[in-house]
Every structure is written in C-alpha cells, then in structure tokens.
Amino acid sequence: MEKGAPLGLPGLCVLWTAVLGEVCRCGAHANWMWLGIASFGVPEKLGCGYLPLNGHQKDLCKKKPYLLHSIREGARLGIRECQSQFRHERWNCLLSPDTVPALSTNLSSISASPAFSIFGYELSSGTKETAFIYAVMAAGLVHSVTHLCSTGNLTDCACDSILQNSGSAREGWHWGGCSDDIQYGMWLSRKFLDGQTKNISRKDRNGLMVMNLHNNEAGRLAVAKLMSIDCRCHGVSGSCALKTCWRTMSSFAKVGSFLKEKYENSIQISDRLRRKIRRKEKSQQSIPIQREDLLYINRSPNYCMEDHKLGVSGTQGRECNRTSAGPDGCNLLCCGRGYNTQVVRHVERCECKFVWCCYVRCRRCETMTDIHTCK
C-alpha cells in the first residue's frame, strides 16, 4: 500500500483484526466500550465479526445488526457522562493514553499500541472507579436504546403500550402519549453486557466478575428509578380539565449525578465468594447490600502522581481553582504540591453598537485572567 493511500474496507477489517488480537491479550472484558470513541468510518459497515465485541455480543450483533447504532450511542453517552461527572476530580475519567490513536484516522498506530483498555488500569482494577465505569456504561446503553425505541428508530420496540388508555377519568387524567419502554432497554443491556458472564457457573466466577455484574445492574436500575411522569393539559383556555400523562426517562446527566452519589457511598466487598456478596468489614456484614449500591473490591490509588504501570496520569499540569475548597481546589487537586500561576491576556470586541447607516462599531476590551495549574 502506498503511503497516504486510503485504507478502504478490506484494510479497515485487517487492522480491526489486529486491534482485537491486542484487546484479547489484555484480558479486557468490556471491549464494546471502544465503539464509543470510534471516529473512523461507520462500524456498521465493517460487520459484527470485526468489531471489538466478545463472542456472545458478536452473536447478538449478527442476529440484530440494526441494534449496533444504539449500542455505540450508549457507549458514547456513558463515556461523556463519566468525564463530565469527574472533570474536577483527581481521577477525571480520561481515556487511557493508549486509546488516543483511536480518536484519529491513523489505524496503523492503533494496532501498534501496546495495550488496549479504553479506561486503562481502572477497567480491571476492582476499585470504586471500576464500579462507576461499569454502572454508567450499562446505564448509557439502557438510556440510548430506550430513547431510540420511543422515537421509532428501532424495529423491535416502540412506546410502552401497557399504560395506554388506562388511568382515572374521575380524577381528570389518563395515560397517553408515548411512555418510554424502559423494559426493552433493560432487557437488551442485560443480554448484551451480562450474557457471556451469565453462562459461567457461579462457582467459576471470580470476585471481579460478580462485582461487575452487580454494578451493571445498579446502573440499569438507576435509569429505571429516575423515571418521571410528564403530563399535558387539555381543556378550554388552558383549564386543564383533563390531563394526558406518560412516563419518561430523566436526562442522562441526572442519572450520572445519581450514580456519582452512589460512587461516593460505594461499599467495599470481600473478594472471597461464598453464597452471597458480603461486605469486607466484619462489623458491617449484617447490613444488607442493596441492588442499587455500587460495590468495589480494592482501594483506589490516590491518583496524585503519574504511574505508568497502573496507567495513572497524575495531576501535574491540571488546571485548578485557587479559591475552591472542593475537589477542584488547588490544595486537593494538586495533592499539596503547590501550583503555578499564569496570567493570560484576552482581547475581544465588546460594547458593539449599530451605527446608521450601516455598520457596527465596537470597543476593544482587554481582560487579564489568572490560570492556576498543579506543579
């Protein structure tokens, strides 16, 4: 192939095969997340066999290839929300440095990358961060699929018809409109994400598998728990003599905030599996674990210093808020190392006025801003 020549579909397939070989050697069980950052071509055109999916997911993809778009959108939704929720934290949910080539069209650099785990160390570390990643990605898939069902973009589902034409006329309302069919989204998320692990007998599952399955379900339940009811009034002059109501999903930002709160209160469990999941602290083992709780096995590193072995980038060079006492404050984010201050000068047009006739006259305004970055 000549240098700079387009790869074409056969070339893409060959390179994806190389990518998948690397993924498998890394032992990553959530390869589907790669679909959320794919920026070259359309994965649908490559065919299910060349996509970064496990065997069970490939089988489902081959049976229902039209679902691939919603799965990819679910992955993108989860990644964006993770980065939004943690943008001010020491761990900011950035993709592993090894995934950067995947954001470009240089596919040869992808296959040459030594490691393939979209979130790096955190994806298999069994930490609180692992718990959040699995939960928010599973929730993203439910949200994406359910939304596409309601908008008529999937052939297997539509609006939730169970509630149609029911309600209470005496109380002045009835179910109508298009209620989100979250049950189909929940089913598909379980089938796609949990299917391969579910086929493994309980005695052969390790602690990380059990933890990930639980957190997947916690993410799905978050979407279901935050469903709300919207209504529209009918009547003369807006009297609201009758209301039509339907169930709808909350924004995914609200789901992300709910899961972030669960992350803050996540529970450490024992990696020694018995009949059921148990808290690690013996004094708390009598307290039941709820299905909506996020679980982790290992304590997180502090994420302060760069650690290539763990794939931790550290906080050096991160922008911080000098006056904040929160996680984005320079004291916490910089881990006590101090910070550098740079004065940045901004020049822009301001106080613009229309002058007859016919032009706009503006002043040239200058502002000075202090930018603080961690040492």
Protein backbone atom coordinates (compact mmCIF):
# COMPACT_ATOMS: atom_id res chain seq x y z
CA MET A 1 0.00 0.00 0.00
CA GLU A 2 1.33 3.43 -0.92
CA LYS A 3 1.99 5.88 1.85
CA GLY A 4 -1.06 8.05 2.42
CA ALA A 5 -3.31 5.82 0.31
CA PRO A 6 -6.85 5.28 1.65
CA LEU A 7 -7.27 2.01 3.53
CA GLY A 8 -10.63 1.03 2.15
CA LEU A 9 -12.96 -1.52 3.76
CA PRO A 10 -10.59 -4.53 3.43
CA GLY A 11 -7.79 -2.54 5.07
CA LEU A 12 -10.07 -1.49 7.91
CA CYS A 13 -11.06 -5.08 8.53
CA VAL A 14 -7.45 -6.27 8.65
CA LEU A 15 -6.50 -3.53 11.10
CA TRP A 16 -9.53 -4.19 13.28
CA THR A 17 -8.46 -7.83 13.45
CA ALA A 18 -5.06 -6.70 14.72
CA VAL A 19 -6.76 -4.44 17.24
CA LEU A 20 -8.95 -7.24 18.53
CA GLY A 21 -5.96 -9.52 18.94
CA GLU A 22 -4.35 -6.96 21.21
CA VAL A 23 -7.60 -6.46 23.13
CA CYS A 24 -7.95 -10.15 23.85
CA ARG A 25 -4.36 -10.46 25.06
CA CYS A 26 -5.01 -7.67 27.53
CA GLY A 27 -7.88 -9.60 29.05
CA ALA A 28 -10.35 -6.73 28.70
CA HIS A 29 -13.95 -7.90 29.18
CA ALA A 30 -15.64 -4.66 28.14
CA ASN A 31 -14.25 -4.22 24.65
CA TRP A 32 -17.59 -2.91 23.39
CA MET A 33 -16.74 0.43 25.01
CA TRP A 34 -14.38 1.05 22.09
CA LEU A 35 -17.44 1.70 19.94
CA GLY A 36 -17.96 4.91 21.90
CA ILE A 37 -14.74 6.50 20.61
CA ALA A 38 -14.62 5.08 17.09
CA SER A 39 -14.19 8.08 14.81
CA PHE A 40 -13.23 6.42 11.56
CA GLY A 41 -15.84 5.31 9.07
CA VAL A 42 -19.00 3.59 10.22
CA PRO A 43 -18.51 0.45 12.36
CA GLU A 44 -21.76 -0.96 10.96
CA LYS A 45 -20.07 -1.33 7.56
CA LEU A 46 -17.27 -3.47 8.98
CA GLY A 47 -19.59 -6.26 10.04
CA CYS A 48 -20.07 -7.74 13.51
CA GLY A 49 -17.14 -10.15 13.16
CA TYR A 50 -14.61 -7.31 13.01
CA LEU A 51 -15.94 -5.24 15.90
CA PRO A 52 -14.41 -5.20 19.42
CA LEU A 53 -17.03 -7.49 20.96
CA ASN A 54 -16.87 -10.75 22.88
CA GLY A 55 -18.28 -13.93 21.38
CA HIS A 56 -21.74 -13.57 22.92
CA GLN A 57 -22.00 -9.94 21.80
CA LYS A 58 -20.95 -10.83 18.25
CA ASP A 59 -23.69 -13.46 18.08
CA LEU A 60 -26.29 -10.93 19.21
CA CYS A 61 -24.91 -8.36 16.76
CA LYS A 62 -25.21 -10.84 13.87
CA LYS A 63 -28.81 -11.65 14.80
CA LYS A 64 -29.78 -7.99 15.28
CA PRO A 65 -27.26 -5.81 13.38
CA TYR A 66 -29.66 -2.85 13.44
CA LEU A 67 -29.03 -2.54 17.20
CA LEU A 68 -25.40 -1.58 16.65
CA HIS A 69 -26.13 2.14 16.31
CA SER A 70 -27.92 2.28 19.67
CA ILE A 71 -25.13 0.29 21.34
CA ARG A 72 -22.50 2.67 20.01
CA GLU A 73 -24.53 5.69 21.13
CA GLY A 74 -24.91 4.12 24.57
CA ALA A 75 -21.14 3.78 24.85
CA ARG A 76 -20.63 7.41 23.83
CA LEU A 77 -23.25 8.54 26.32
CA GLY A 78 -21.58 6.66 29.17
CA ILE A 79 -18.09 7.94 28.35
CA ARG A 80 -19.22 11.57 28.09
CA GLU A 81 -21.12 11.43 31.37
CA CYS A 82 -18.23 9.79 33.21
CA GLN A 83 -15.91 12.56 32.06
CA SER A 84 -18.47 15.21 32.97
CA GLN A 85 -19.03 13.89 36.50
CA PHE A 86 -15.31 13.56 37.27
CA ARG A 87 -13.93 16.56 35.37
CA HIS A 88 -12.85 18.27 38.62
CA GLU A 89 -11.53 15.16 40.41
CA ARG A 90 -8.01 13.74 40.66
CA TRP A 91 -9.25 10.82 38.57
CA ASN A 92 -11.08 12.59 35.76
CA CYS A 93 -12.22 9.58 33.72
CA LEU A 94 -9.89 10.37 30.86
CA LEU A 95 -9.32 7.63 28.34
CA SER A 96 -6.09 5.69 28.66
CA PRO A 97 -3.20 7.35 26.75
CA ASP A 98 -3.06 4.19 24.65
CA THR A 99 -6.52 4.95 23.28
CA VAL A 100 -5.58 8.34 21.86
CA PRO A 101 -4.66 6.93 18.43
CA ALA A 102 -8.18 5.54 18.15
CA LEU A 103 -9.52 9.06 18.00
CA SER A 104 -7.70 9.71 14.76
CA THR A 105 -7.84 8.08 11.36
CA ASN A 106 -4.35 6.61 11.70
CA LEU A 107 -5.42 3.00 12.18
CA SER A 108 -1.91 1.63 11.86
CA SER A 109 -0.98 3.42 15.08
CA ILE A 110 -3.92 1.73 16.84
CA SER A 111 -2.79 -1.77 16.02
CA ALA A 112 0.75 -0.90 17.12
CA SER A 113 -0.38 0.27 20.56
CA PRO A 114 0.95 -1.99 23.35
CA ALA A 115 -2.20 -2.04 25.43
CA PHE A 116 -5.89 -1.86 24.70
CA SER A 117 -8.15 -0.91 27.57
CA ILE A 118 -10.23 2.16 26.93
CA PHE A 119 -10.11 3.31 30.57
CA GLY A 120 -6.70 1.78 31.26
CA TYR A 121 -5.99 0.40 34.72
CA GLU A 122 -9.38 1.40 36.14
CA LEU A 123 -11.34 -1.01 33.97
CA SER A 124 -9.98 -4.12 35.68
CA SER A 125 -8.68 -2.75 38.99
CA GLY A 126 -11.78 -3.57 41.02
CA THR A 127 -11.82 -0.07 42.55
CA LYS A 128 -14.60 2.47 43.09
CA GLU A 129 -13.71 3.90 39.69
CA THR A 130 -14.24 0.49 38.07
CA ALA A 131 -17.65 0.34 39.74
CA PHE A 132 -18.70 3.71 38.35
CA ILE A 133 -17.46 2.92 34.83
CA TYR A 134 -19.46 -0.30 34.59
CA ALA A 135 -22.57 1.29 36.09
CA VAL A 136 -22.58 4.40 33.90
CA MET A 137 -21.84 2.43 30.72
CA ALA A 138 -24.68 -0.03 31.41
CA ALA A 139 -26.98 2.91 32.18
CA GLY A 140 -25.92 4.63 28.95
CA LEU A 141 -26.92 1.56 26.95
CA VAL A 142 -30.37 1.42 28.61
CA HIS A 143 -30.91 5.14 28.04
CA SER A 144 -29.81 5.07 24.40
CA VAL A 145 -31.86 2.01 23.43
CA THR A 146 -34.97 3.24 25.25
CA HIS A 147 -34.75 6.66 23.59
CA LEU A 148 -34.46 5.12 20.13
CA CYS A 149 -37.45 2.89 20.90
CA SER A 150 -39.60 5.89 21.80
CA THR A 151 -38.57 7.82 18.69
CA GLY A 152 -39.41 4.88 16.43
CA ASN A 153 -35.84 4.22 15.32
CA LEU A 154 -35.74 0.55 16.37
CA THR A 155 -37.91 -2.16 14.83
CA ASP A 156 -38.04 -4.40 17.93
CA CYS A 157 -39.73 -1.88 20.20
CA ALA A 158 -41.82 1.27 20.32
CA CYS A 159 -43.62 3.20 23.03
CA ASP A 160 -44.66 1.36 26.17
CA SER A 161 -48.17 0.18 25.28
CA ILE A 162 -49.03 -1.33 28.69
CA LEU A 163 -50.19 2.00 30.12
CA GLN A 164 -52.08 3.18 27.04
CA ASN A 165 -55.72 4.22 27.61
CA SER A 166 -55.62 3.44 31.32
CA GLY A 167 -55.90 5.95 34.13
CA SER A 168 -58.64 7.63 36.09
CA ALA A 169 -61.20 9.75 34.23
CA ARG A 170 -62.79 10.60 37.60
CA GLU A 171 -59.54 12.22 38.71
CA GLY A 172 -59.20 14.02 35.40
CA TRP A 173 -56.24 12.25 33.81
CA HIS A 174 -55.36 9.22 31.70
CA TRP A 175 -52.24 7.55 30.37
CA GLY A 176 -51.43 8.51 26.81
CA GLY A 177 -48.67 9.95 24.69
CA CYS A 178 -45.55 7.83 24.29
CA SER A 179 -44.25 6.35 27.53
CA ASP A 180 -40.62 5.25 27.33
CA ASP A 181 -40.39 1.45 27.03
CA ILE A 182 -37.56 1.04 29.51
CA GLN A 183 -38.17 -2.70 29.89
CA TYR A 184 -36.78 -3.37 26.41
CA GLY A 185 -33.74 -1.21 27.12
CA MET A 186 -33.14 -3.07 30.39
CA TRP A 187 -33.50 -6.44 28.65
CA LEU A 188 -31.08 -5.57 25.87
CA SER A 189 -28.50 -4.14 28.27
CA ARG A 190 -28.61 -7.34 30.35
CA LYS A 191 -28.46 -9.53 27.26
CA PHE A 192 -25.58 -7.64 25.67
CA LEU A 193 -23.41 -6.89 28.71
CA ASP A 194 -24.08 -9.79 31.07
CA GLY A 195 -24.77 -12.63 28.64
CA GLN A 196 -21.28 -14.09 28.42
CA THR A 197 -20.61 -13.96 32.18
CA LYS A 198 -24.07 -15.35 32.99
CA ASN A 199 -23.11 -18.51 31.09
CA ILE A 200 -20.28 -19.11 33.58
CA SER A 201 -21.35 -21.18 36.58
CA ARG A 202 -21.43 -19.37 39.93
CA LYS A 203 -18.62 -21.46 41.37
CA ASP A 204 -16.35 -20.49 38.45
CA ARG A 205 -16.97 -16.73 38.71
CA ASN A 206 -14.31 -14.65 40.41
CA GLY A 207 -14.91 -11.65 42.64
CA LEU A 208 -14.37 -9.11 39.85
CA MET A 209 -16.95 -10.80 37.61
CA VAL A 210 -19.55 -10.76 40.38
CA MET A 211 -18.73 -7.15 41.21
CA ASN A 212 -19.06 -6.04 37.58
CA LEU A 213 -22.38 -7.87 37.13
CA HIS A 214 -23.77 -6.17 40.23
CA ASN A 215 -22.61 -2.71 39.13
CA ASN A 216 -24.02 -3.23 35.63
CA GLU A 217 -27.41 -3.88 37.20
CA ALA A 218 -27.05 -0.92 39.58
CA GLY A 219 -26.52 1.34 36.57
CA ARG A 220 -29.62 -0.01 34.84
CA LEU A 221 -31.73 0.36 37.98
CA ALA A 222 -30.64 4.00 38.26
CA VAL A 223 -32.29 4.78 34.92
CA ALA A 224 -35.47 2.97 35.99
CA LYS A 225 -35.58 4.61 39.43
CA LEU A 226 -35.35 8.11 37.97
CA MET A 227 -38.24 7.67 35.54
CA SER A 228 -40.71 10.54 35.92
CA ILE A 229 -44.24 11.37 34.80
CA ASP A 230 -44.91 14.20 32.34
CA CYS A 231 -48.43 15.49 31.69
CA ARG A 232 -50.14 17.74 29.18
CA CYS A 233 -53.31 19.69 29.95
CA HIS A 234 -56.47 19.67 27.82
CA GLY A 235 -59.42 21.98 28.27
CA VAL A 236 -60.91 25.34 27.37
CA SER A 237 -58.47 28.24 27.84
CA GLY A 238 -55.92 26.01 29.47
CA SER A 239 -58.29 24.96 32.26
CA CYS A 240 -56.64 21.55 32.48
CA ALA A 241 -59.98 19.75 32.73
CA LEU A 242 -58.19 16.61 31.58
CA LYS A 243 -54.53 15.63 31.61
CA THR A 244 -52.73 13.15 29.39
CA CYS A 245 -49.71 11.67 31.16
CA TRP A 246 -46.81 9.46 30.13
CA ARG A 247 -43.66 8.07 31.74
CA THR A 248 -40.33 9.41 30.56
CA MET A 249 -36.66 8.95 31.40
CA SER A 250 -34.76 11.63 33.26
CA SER A 251 -31.87 13.33 31.49
CA PHE A 252 -28.72 11.23 31.48
CA ALA A 253 -26.95 14.00 33.41
CA LYS A 254 -29.37 13.34 36.28
CA VAL A 255 -28.64 9.61 36.05
CA GLY A 256 -24.92 10.40 36.13
CA SER A 257 -25.32 12.56 39.24
CA PHE A 258 -27.28 9.78 40.96
CA LEU A 259 -24.53 7.25 40.17
CA LYS A 260 -21.85 9.71 41.31
CA GLU A 261 -23.59 9.88 44.68
CA LYS A 262 -23.63 6.07 44.79
CA TYR A 263 -19.92 6.13 43.94
CA GLU A 264 -19.24 8.43 46.89
CA ASN A 265 -21.00 5.92 49.16
CA SER A 266 -19.82 2.73 47.46
CA ILE A 267 -19.29 -0.41 49.53
CA GLN A 268 -16.11 -2.48 49.73
CA ILE A 269 -16.81 -6.20 49.47
CA SER A 270 -14.78 -9.33 50.09
CA ASP A 271 -13.28 -10.99 47.02
CA ARG A 272 -13.80 -14.37 48.70
CA LEU A 273 -17.05 -15.58 47.22
CA ARG A 274 -19.45 -17.60 49.32
CA ARG A 275 -23.18 -17.97 48.91
CA LYS A 276 -23.71 -14.23 48.53
CA ILE A 277 -21.80 -10.96 48.28
CA ARG A 278 -20.53 -9.81 51.67
CA ARG A 279 -19.12 -6.54 52.97
CA LYS A 280 -15.41 -6.70 53.72
CA GLU A 281 -15.74 -5.07 57.14
CA LYS A 282 -16.83 -7.84 59.52
CA SER A 283 -18.57 -5.34 61.78
CA GLN A 284 -20.85 -4.33 58.88
CA GLN A 285 -21.57 -7.75 57.37
CA SER A 286 -25.03 -7.85 58.93
CA ILE A 287 -26.03 -4.73 56.95
CA PRO A 288 -27.71 -5.84 53.70
CA ILE A 289 -26.32 -4.71 50.36
CA GLN A 290 -28.93 -3.08 48.13
CA ARG A 291 -29.21 -3.72 44.39
CA GLU A 292 -28.65 -0.02 43.70
CA ASP A 293 -25.39 0.17 45.68
CA LEU A 294 -22.06 0.34 43.86
CA LEU A 295 -19.53 -2.25 45.01
CA TYR A 296 -15.75 -2.39 44.85
CA ILE A 297 -13.04 -4.83 46.00
CA ASN A 298 -9.77 -2.89 46.05
CA ARG A 299 -8.95 0.55 47.42
CA SER A 300 -8.16 3.22 44.83
CA PRO A 301 -4.70 4.76 44.41
CA ASN A 302 -4.56 8.47 45.22
CA TYR A 303 -4.09 9.40 41.53
CA CYS A 304 -1.69 12.19 42.56
CA MET A 305 1.47 11.03 40.83
CA GLU A 306 1.99 9.60 37.37
CA ASP A 307 2.31 5.81 37.40
CA HIS A 308 2.87 4.18 34.00
CA LYS A 309 2.48 0.70 35.48
CA LEU A 310 -1.04 1.49 36.66
CA GLY A 311 -1.85 3.79 33.76
CA VAL A 312 -2.34 6.74 36.14
CA SER A 313 -1.54 10.11 34.56
CA GLY A 314 -1.29 12.10 37.81
CA THR A 315 -2.48 15.67 38.33
CA GLN A 316 0.61 17.62 37.25
CA GLY A 317 -0.40 20.34 34.80
CA ARG A 318 -4.12 20.09 35.63
CA GLU A 319 -5.94 23.40 35.98
CA CYS A 320 -7.24 24.07 39.50
CA ASN A 321 -9.40 26.62 41.32
CA ARG A 322 -7.37 28.55 43.89
CA THR A 323 -10.41 29.68 45.90
CA SER A 324 -12.32 26.38 45.95
CA ALA A 325 -12.41 24.07 48.96
CA GLY A 326 -13.83 21.27 46.80
CA PRO A 327 -12.07 18.55 44.81
CA ASP A 328 -11.20 21.05 42.07
CA GLY A 329 -9.37 23.29 44.57
CA CYS A 330 -5.62 23.66 44.14
CA ASN A 331 -4.92 22.22 47.59
CA LEU A 332 -6.76 18.93 46.98
CA LEU A 333 -6.25 18.52 43.24
CA CYS A 334 -2.53 19.26 43.43
CA CYS A 335 -2.09 16.91 46.41
CA GLY A 336 -0.26 19.57 48.43
CA ARG A 337 2.49 20.05 45.82
CA GLY A 338 1.54 23.66 45.14
CA TYR A 339 0.57 25.29 41.87
CA ASN A 340 1.86 27.62 39.19
CA THR A 341 0.03 30.80 38.21
CA GLN A 342 0.00 32.19 34.69
CA VAL A 343 -1.61 35.49 33.70
CA VAL A 344 -3.49 35.14 30.42
CA ARG A 345 -4.49 38.21 28.41
CA HIS A 346 -7.76 38.10 26.44
CA VAL A 347 -8.63 40.69 23.81
CA GLU A 348 -12.12 40.74 22.30
CA ARG A 349 -14.69 43.05 20.74
CA CYS A 350 -17.22 44.46 23.20
CA GLU A 351 -19.94 47.12 23.64
CA CYS A 352 -20.87 46.80 19.98
CA LYS A 353 -23.43 49.28 18.58
CA PHE A 354 -25.16 49.58 15.25
CA VAL A 355 -24.40 52.91 13.54
CA TRP A 356 -26.78 54.29 10.89
CA CYS A 357 -26.03 53.55 8.19
CA CYS A 358 -24.72 50.81 8.03
CA TYR A 359 -22.03 49.32 10.17
CA VAL A 360 -21.29 48.06 13.68
CA ARG A 361 -18.89 49.94 15.93
CA CYS A 362 -17.21 48.04 18.79
CA ARG A 363 -14.71 48.75 21.51
CA ARG A 364 -11.63 46.63 22.01
CA CYS A 365 -11.77 45.16 25.51
CA GLU A 366 -8.91 43.54 27.32
CA THR A 367 -9.14 41.24 30.35
CA MET A 368 -6.45 39.55 32.42
CA THR A 369 -7.15 36.11 33.89
CA ASP A 370 -5.11 34.08 36.36
CA ILE A 371 -4.76 30.42 35.38
CA HIS A 372 -3.55 28.05 38.09
CA THR A 373 -2.04 24.66 37.25
CA CYS A 374 -0.72 21.93 39.55
CA LYS A 375 3.04 21.56 40.00
